[in-house]
Amino acid sequence: MNPLGRRTVQLARTKNYLDRLYNVYPNEISSRRVDEDLLKEVQRLFQENRSVELLQTLLDLEKFPIKDSYVSF
């Protein structure tokens, strides 16, 4: 592994990596409005335990689950 790659892996393994990443690349997590009818549909699908339809409905939303560049970390 090259030195830069090795250093990147070392940094990623530290406990405060994400905090340090936010200091370098600030990211605003924005809230969103969900249409009231769509929200009722999501609640209904959840209560009826219709997981496949619920997941598909949530995936069709503009942002799912949140728009955060670092969520994978």
PDB file of N, CA and C in Angstrom:
ATOM      1  N   MET A   1       0.862  -1.175   0.000  1.00  0.00           N
ATOM      2  CA  MET A   1       0.000   0.000   0.000  1.00  0.00           C
ATOM      3  C   MET A   1       0.908   1.238   0.000  1.00  0.00           C
ATOM      4  N   ASN A   2       0.513   2.242  -0.757  1.00  0.00           N
ATOM      5  CA  ASN A   2       1.342   3.451  -0.796  1.00  0.00           C
ATOM      6  C   ASN A   2       1.185   4.250   0.508  1.00  0.00           C
ATOM      7  N   PRO A   3       2.134   5.127   0.800  1.00  0.00           N
ATOM      8  CA  PRO A   3       2.113   5.866   2.078  1.00  0.00           C
ATOM      9  C   PRO A   3       0.838   6.679   2.297  1.00  0.00           C
ATOM     10  N   LEU A   4       0.311   7.301   1.249  1.00  0.00           N
ATOM     11  CA  LEU A   4      -0.913   8.100   1.411  1.00  0.00           C
ATOM     12  C   LEU A   4      -2.100   7.201   1.750  1.00  0.00           C
ATOM     13  N   GLY A   5      -2.203   6.079   1.070  1.00  0.00           N
ATOM     14  CA  GLY A   5      -3.279   5.134   1.371  1.00  0.00           C
ATOM     15  C   GLY A   5      -3.182   4.589   2.778  1.00  0.00           C
ATOM     16  N   ARG A   6      -1.955   4.266   3.210  1.00  0.00           N
ATOM     17  CA  ARG A   6      -1.728   3.772   4.570  1.00  0.00           C
ATOM     18  C   ARG A   6      -2.140   4.818   5.603  1.00  0.00           C
ATOM     19  N   ARG A   7      -1.771   6.061   5.364  1.00  0.00           N
ATOM     20  CA  ARG A   7      -2.122   7.144   6.298  1.00  0.00           C
ATOM     21  C   ARG A   7      -3.643   7.353   6.339  1.00  0.00           C
ATOM     22  N   THR A   8      -4.293   7.245   5.198  1.00  0.00           N
ATOM     23  CA  THR A   8      -5.752   7.394   5.140  1.00  0.00           C
ATOM     24  C   THR A   8      -6.429   6.317   5.973  1.00  0.00           C
ATOM     25  N   VAL A   9      -5.986   5.084   5.840  1.00  0.00           N
ATOM     26  CA  VAL A   9      -6.557   3.980   6.622  1.00  0.00           C
ATOM     27  C   VAL A   9      -6.310   4.211   8.111  1.00  0.00           C
ATOM     28  N   GLN A  10      -5.128   4.663   8.471  1.00  0.00           N
ATOM     29  CA  GLN A  10      -4.824   4.935   9.878  1.00  0.00           C
ATOM     30  C   GLN A  10      -5.757   6.015  10.431  1.00  0.00           C
ATOM     31  N   LEU A  11      -5.970   7.070   9.655  1.00  0.00           N
ATOM     32  CA  LEU A  11      -6.874   8.139  10.104  1.00  0.00           C
ATOM     33  C   LEU A  11      -8.304   7.643  10.241  1.00  0.00           C
ATOM     34  N   ALA A  12      -8.734   6.840   9.290  1.00  0.00           N
ATOM     35  CA  ALA A  12     -10.118   6.342   9.309  1.00  0.00           C
ATOM     36  C   ALA A  12     -10.373   5.439  10.516  1.00  0.00           C
ATOM     37  N   ARG A  13      -9.351   4.831  11.048  1.00  0.00           N
ATOM     38  CA  ARG A  13      -9.504   3.941  12.203  1.00  0.00           C
ATOM     39  C   ARG A  13      -9.521   4.675  13.539  1.00  0.00           C
ATOM     40  N   THR A  14      -9.230   5.954  13.549  1.00  0.00           N
ATOM     41  CA  THR A  14      -9.227   6.699  14.804  1.00  0.00           C
ATOM     42  C   THR A  14     -10.658   6.973  15.261  1.00  0.00           C
ATOM     43  N   LYS A  15     -10.817   7.160  16.553  1.00  0.00           N
ATOM     44  CA  LYS A  15     -12.151   7.353  17.123  1.00  0.00           C
ATOM     45  C   LYS A  15     -12.806   8.652  16.669  1.00  0.00           C
ATOM     46  N   ASN A  16     -12.025   9.672  16.454  1.00  0.00           N
ATOM     47  CA  ASN A  16     -12.611  10.975  16.125  1.00  0.00           C
ATOM     48  C   ASN A  16     -12.510  11.304  14.632  1.00  0.00           C
ATOM     49  N   TYR A  17     -12.422  10.291  13.805  1.00  0.00           N
ATOM     50  CA  TYR A  17     -12.250  10.515  12.367  1.00  0.00           C
ATOM     51  C   TYR A  17     -13.390  11.348  11.771  1.00  0.00           C
ATOM     52  N   LEU A  18     -14.616  10.966  12.068  1.00  0.00           N
ATOM     53  CA  LEU A  18     -15.762  11.682  11.495  1.00  0.00           C
ATOM     54  C   LEU A  18     -15.813  13.125  11.978  1.00  0.00           C
ATOM     55  N   ASP A  19     -15.518  13.356  13.243  1.00  0.00           N
ATOM     56  CA  ASP A  19     -15.480  14.731  13.764  1.00  0.00           C
ATOM     57  C   ASP A  19     -14.435  15.559  13.027  1.00  0.00           C
ATOM     58  N   ARG A  20     -13.279  14.968  12.819  1.00  0.00           N
ATOM     59  CA  ARG A  20     -12.220  15.672  12.097  1.00  0.00           C
ATOM     60  C   ARG A  20     -12.625  15.921  10.651  1.00  0.00           C
ATOM     61  N   LEU A  21     -13.312  14.964  10.055  1.00  0.00           N
ATOM     62  CA  LEU A  21     -13.776  15.115   8.675  1.00  0.00           C
ATOM     63  C   LEU A  21     -14.786  16.263   8.565  1.00  0.00           C
ATOM     64  N   TYR A  22     -15.681  16.368   9.542  1.00  0.00           N
ATOM     65  CA  TYR A  22     -16.644  17.479   9.565  1.00  0.00           C
ATOM     66  C   TYR A  22     -15.943  18.831   9.715  1.00  0.00           C
ATOM     67  N   ASN A  23     -14.849  18.869  10.440  1.00  0.00           N
ATOM     68  CA  ASN A  23     -14.111  20.127  10.581  1.00  0.00           C
ATOM     69  C   ASN A  23     -13.505  20.574   9.259  1.00  0.00           C
ATOM     70  N   VAL A  24     -13.053  19.623   8.466  1.00  0.00           N
ATOM     71  CA  VAL A  24     -12.449  19.951   7.176  1.00  0.00           C
ATOM     72  C   VAL A  24     -13.523  20.223   6.121  1.00  0.00           C
ATOM     73  N   TYR A  25     -14.557  19.369   6.108  1.00  0.00           N
ATOM     74  CA  TYR A  25     -15.634  19.490   5.118  1.00  0.00           C
ATOM     75  C   TYR A  25     -16.966  19.613   5.842  1.00  0.00           C
ATOM     76  N   PRO A  26     -17.321  20.816   6.282  1.00  0.00           N
ATOM     77  CA  PRO A  26     -18.599  20.976   6.988  1.00  0.00           C
ATOM     78  C   PRO A  26     -19.770  20.584   6.081  1.00  0.00           C
ATOM     79  N   ASN A  27     -20.768  20.018   6.698  1.00  0.00           N
ATOM     80  CA  ASN A  27     -21.917  19.534   5.947  1.00  0.00           C
ATOM     81  C   ASN A  27     -23.179  19.904   6.703  1.00  0.00           C
ATOM     82  N   GLU A  28     -24.077  20.559   6.028  1.00  0.00           N
ATOM     83  CA  GLU A  28     -25.343  20.923   6.656  1.00  0.00           C
ATOM     84  C   GLU A  28     -26.364  19.829   6.380  1.00  0.00           C
ATOM     85  N   ILE A  29     -26.908  19.271   7.439  1.00  0.00           N
ATOM     86  CA  ILE A  29     -27.966  18.285   7.288  1.00  0.00           C
ATOM     87  C   ILE A  29     -29.275  19.055   7.309  1.00  0.00           C
ATOM     88  N   SER A  30     -29.982  19.006   6.217  1.00  0.00           N
ATOM     89  CA  SER A  30     -31.198  19.805   6.105  1.00  0.00           C
ATOM     90  C   SER A  30     -32.433  18.932   6.332  1.00  0.00           C
ATOM     91  N   SER A  31     -33.440  19.547   6.901  1.00  0.00           N
ATOM     92  CA  SER A  31     -34.696  18.842   7.091  1.00  0.00           C
ATOM     93  C   SER A  31     -35.526  18.966   5.822  1.00  0.00           C
ATOM     94  N   ARG A  32     -36.572  18.233   5.749  1.00  0.00           N
ATOM     95  CA  ARG A  32     -37.401  18.264   4.550  1.00  0.00           C
ATOM     96  C   ARG A  32     -38.863  18.131   4.927  1.00  0.00           C
ATOM     97  N   ARG A  33     -39.684  18.559   4.023  1.00  0.00           N
ATOM     98  CA  ARG A  33     -41.124  18.437   4.187  1.00  0.00           C
ATOM     99  C   ARG A  33     -41.596  17.243   3.361  1.00  0.00           C
ATOM    100  N   VAL A  34     -42.400  16.398   3.987  1.00  0.00           N
ATOM    101  CA  VAL A  34     -42.988  15.261   3.290  1.00  0.00           C
ATOM    102  C   VAL A  34     -44.474  15.541   3.157  1.00  0.00           C
ATOM    103  N   ASP A  35     -44.987  15.319   1.965  1.00  0.00           N
ATOM    104  CA  ASP A  35     -46.412  15.520   1.698  1.00  0.00           C
ATOM    105  C   ASP A  35     -47.250  14.750   2.724  1.00  0.00           C
ATOM    106  N   GLU A  36     -48.257  15.407   3.265  1.00  0.00           N
ATOM    107  CA  GLU A  36     -49.075  14.822   4.328  1.00  0.00           C
ATOM    108  C   GLU A  36     -49.740  13.519   3.886  1.00  0.00           C
ATOM    109  N   ASP A  37     -50.233  13.464   2.667  1.00  0.00           N
ATOM    110  CA  ASP A  37     -50.862  12.233   2.171  1.00  0.00           C
ATOM    111  C   ASP A  37     -49.849  11.096   2.068  1.00  0.00           C
ATOM    112  N   LEU A  38     -48.664  11.421   1.616  1.00  0.00           N
ATOM    113  CA  LEU A  38     -47.607  10.415   1.516  1.00  0.00           C
ATOM    114  C   LEU A  38     -47.188   9.927   2.895  1.00  0.00           C
ATOM    115  N   LEU A  39     -47.126  10.830   3.846  1.00  0.00           N
ATOM    116  CA  LEU A  39     -46.800  10.457   5.212  1.00  0.00           C
ATOM    117  C   LEU A  39     -47.851   9.505   5.791  1.00  0.00           C
ATOM    118  N   LYS A  40     -49.107   9.758   5.519  1.00  0.00           N
ATOM    119  CA  LYS A  40     -50.180   8.869   5.976  1.00  0.00           C
ATOM    120  C   LYS A  40     -50.060   7.493   5.328  1.00  0.00           C
ATOM    121  N   GLU A  41     -49.677   7.482   4.058  1.00  0.00           N
ATOM    122  CA  GLU A  41     -49.479   6.210   3.356  1.00  0.00           C
ATOM    123  C   GLU A  41     -48.340   5.415   3.987  1.00  0.00           C
ATOM    124  N   VAL A  42     -47.262   6.087   4.316  1.00  0.00           N
ATOM    125  CA  VAL A  42     -46.132   5.434   4.974  1.00  0.00           C
ATOM    126  C   VAL A  42     -46.565   4.864   6.330  1.00  0.00           C
ATOM    127  N   GLN A  43     -47.306   5.622   7.092  1.00  0.00           N
ATOM    128  CA  GLN A  43     -47.782   5.151   8.389  1.00  0.00           C
ATOM    129  C   GLN A  43     -48.701   3.943   8.236  1.00  0.00           C
ATOM    130  N   ARG A  44     -49.575   3.997   7.243  1.00  0.00           N
ATOM    131  CA  ARG A  44     -50.499   2.886   7.009  1.00  0.00           C
ATOM    132  C   ARG A  44     -49.741   1.612   6.635  1.00  0.00           C
ATOM    133  N   LEU A  45     -48.795   1.734   5.726  1.00  0.00           N
ATOM    134  CA  LEU A  45     -48.000   0.571   5.321  1.00  0.00           C
ATOM    135  C   LEU A  45     -47.212  -0.001   6.493  1.00  0.00           C
ATOM    136  N   PHE A  46     -46.703   0.879   7.338  1.00  0.00           N
ATOM    137  CA  PHE A  46     -45.973   0.430   8.525  1.00  0.00           C
ATOM    138  C   PHE A  46     -46.893  -0.328   9.482  1.00  0.00           C
ATOM    139  N   GLN A  47     -48.050   0.229   9.746  1.00  0.00           N
ATOM    140  CA  GLN A  47     -48.992  -0.407  10.675  1.00  0.00           C
ATOM    141  C   GLN A  47     -49.501  -1.742  10.138  1.00  0.00           C
ATOM    142  N   GLU A  48     -49.615  -1.856   8.821  1.00  0.00           N
ATOM    143  CA  GLU A  48     -50.080  -3.099   8.209  1.00  0.00           C
ATOM    144  C   GLU A  48     -48.936  -4.091   7.972  1.00  0.00           C
ATOM    145  N   ASN A  49     -47.740  -3.721   8.404  1.00  0.00           N
ATOM    146  CA  ASN A  49     -46.563  -4.580   8.277  1.00  0.00           C
ATOM    147  C   ASN A  49     -46.304  -4.985   6.819  1.00  0.00           C
ATOM    148  N   ARG A  50     -46.481  -4.050   5.907  1.00  0.00           N
ATOM    149  CA  ARG A  50     -46.247  -4.287   4.484  1.00  0.00           C
ATOM    150  C   ARG A  50     -44.863  -3.734   4.134  1.00  0.00           C
ATOM    151  N   SER A  51     -43.866  -4.474   4.540  1.00  0.00           N
ATOM    152  CA  SER A  51     -42.479  -4.012   4.494  1.00  0.00           C
ATOM    153  C   SER A  51     -41.987  -3.685   3.092  1.00  0.00           C
ATOM    154  N   VAL A  52     -42.300  -4.524   2.126  1.00  0.00           N
ATOM    155  CA  VAL A  52     -41.799  -4.297   0.767  1.00  0.00           C
ATOM    156  C   VAL A  52     -42.372  -2.997   0.200  1.00  0.00           C
ATOM    157  N   GLU A  53     -43.679  -2.822   0.329  1.00  0.00           N
ATOM    158  CA  GLU A  53     -44.308  -1.599  -0.177  1.00  0.00           C
ATOM    159  C   GLU A  53     -43.829  -0.371   0.593  1.00  0.00           C
ATOM    160  N   LEU A  54     -43.632  -0.533   1.894  1.00  0.00           N
ATOM    161  CA  LEU A  54     -43.139   0.571   2.722  1.00  0.00           C
ATOM    162  C   LEU A  54     -41.743   0.996   2.273  1.00  0.00           C
ATOM    163  N   LEU A  55     -40.880   0.038   2.098  1.00  0.00           N
ATOM    164  CA  LEU A  55     -39.523   0.358   1.675  1.00  0.00           C
ATOM    165  C   LEU A  55     -39.523   1.015   0.300  1.00  0.00           C
ATOM    166  N   GLN A  56     -40.325   0.505  -0.614  1.00  0.00           N
ATOM    167  CA  GLN A  56     -40.386   1.097  -1.947  1.00  0.00           C
ATOM    168  C   GLN A  56     -40.902   2.536  -1.882  1.00  0.00           C
ATOM    169  N   THR A  57     -41.884   2.785  -1.067  1.00  0.00           N
ATOM    170  CA  THR A  57     -42.422   4.132  -0.907  1.00  0.00           C
ATOM    171  C   THR A  57     -41.363   5.067  -0.330  1.00  0.00           C
ATOM    172  N   LEU A  58     -40.629   4.594   0.665  1.00  0.00           N
ATOM    173  CA  LEU A  58     -39.574   5.422   1.265  1.00  0.00           C
ATOM    174  C   LEU A  58     -38.442   5.680   0.270  1.00  0.00           C
ATOM    175  N   LEU A  59     -38.104   4.681  -0.512  1.00  0.00           N
ATOM    176  CA  LEU A  59     -37.039   4.858  -1.509  1.00  0.00           C
ATOM    177  C   LEU A  59     -37.439   5.829  -2.604  1.00  0.00           C
ATOM    178  N   ASP A  60     -38.731   5.964  -2.856  1.00  0.00           N
ATOM    179  CA  ASP A  60     -39.216   6.890  -3.881  1.00  0.00           C
ATOM    180  C   ASP A  60     -39.206   8.344  -3.419  1.00  0.00           C
ATOM    181  N   LEU A  61     -39.019   8.561  -2.121  1.00  0.00           N
ATOM    182  CA  LEU A  61     -38.945   9.936  -1.620  1.00  0.00           C
ATOM    183  C   LEU A  61     -37.723  10.630  -2.205  1.00  0.00           C
ATOM    184  N   GLU A  62     -37.745  11.956  -2.235  1.00  0.00           N
ATOM    185  CA  GLU A  62     -36.649  12.730  -2.793  1.00  0.00           C
ATOM    186  C   GLU A  62     -35.315  12.415  -2.117  1.00  0.00           C
ATOM    187  N   LYS A  63     -35.326  12.301  -0.809  1.00  0.00           N
ATOM    188  CA  LYS A  63     -34.123  11.981  -0.047  1.00  0.00           C
ATOM    189  C   LYS A  63     -34.454  10.816   0.874  1.00  0.00           C
ATOM    190  N   PHE A  64     -33.649   9.785   0.868  1.00  0.00           N
ATOM    191  CA  PHE A  64     -33.902   8.665   1.755  1.00  0.00           C
ATOM    192  C   PHE A  64     -32.587   8.156   2.277  1.00  0.00           C
ATOM    193  N   PRO A  65     -32.387   7.945   3.532  1.00  0.00           N
ATOM    194  CA  PRO A  65     -33.212   8.428   4.623  1.00  0.00           C
ATOM    195  C   PRO A  65     -32.921   9.884   4.956  1.00  0.00           C
ATOM    196  N   ILE A  66     -31.648  10.292   4.796  1.00  0.00           N
ATOM    197  CA  ILE A  66     -31.289  11.688   4.961  1.00  0.00           C
ATOM    198  C   ILE A  66     -30.219  12.019   3.939  1.00  0.00           C
ATOM    199  N   LYS A  67     -30.075  13.273   3.652  1.00  0.00           N
ATOM    200  CA  LYS A  67     -29.019  13.666   2.736  1.00  0.00           C
ATOM    201  C   LYS A  67     -27.810  14.071   3.582  1.00  0.00           C
ATOM    202  N   ASP A  68     -26.894  13.151   3.720  1.00  0.00           N
ATOM    203  CA  ASP A  68     -25.703  13.367   4.528  1.00  0.00           C
ATOM    204  C   ASP A  68     -24.544  12.672   3.843  1.00  0.00           C
ATOM    205  N   SER A  69     -23.562  13.420   3.423  1.00  0.00           N
ATOM    206  CA  SER A  69     -22.448  12.870   2.667  1.00  0.00           C
ATOM    207  C   SER A  69     -21.644  11.862   3.440  1.00  0.00           C
ATOM    208  N   TYR A  70     -21.683  11.913   4.761  1.00  0.00           N
ATOM    209  CA  TYR A  70     -20.842  11.034   5.563  1.00  0.00           C
ATOM    210  C   TYR A  70     -21.632   9.882   6.183  1.00  0.00           C
ATOM    211  N   VAL A  71     -22.853   9.667   5.771  1.00  0.00           N
ATOM    212  CA  VAL A  71     -23.680   8.662   6.426  1.00  0.00           C
ATOM    213  C   VAL A  71     -23.071   7.269   6.321  1.00  0.00           C
ATOM    214  N   SER A  72     -22.316   6.985   5.284  1.00  0.00           N
ATOM    215  CA  SER A  72     -21.722   5.654   5.140  1.00  0.00           C
ATOM    216  C   SER A  72     -20.616   5.398   6.151  1.00  0.00           C
ATOM    217  N   PHE A  73     -20.063   6.457   6.744  1.00  0.00           N
ATOM    218  CA  PHE A  73     -19.023   6.263   7.740  1.00  0.00           C
ATOM    219  C   PHE A  73     -19.620   5.908   9.073  1.00  0.00           C
TER     220      PHE A  73
END
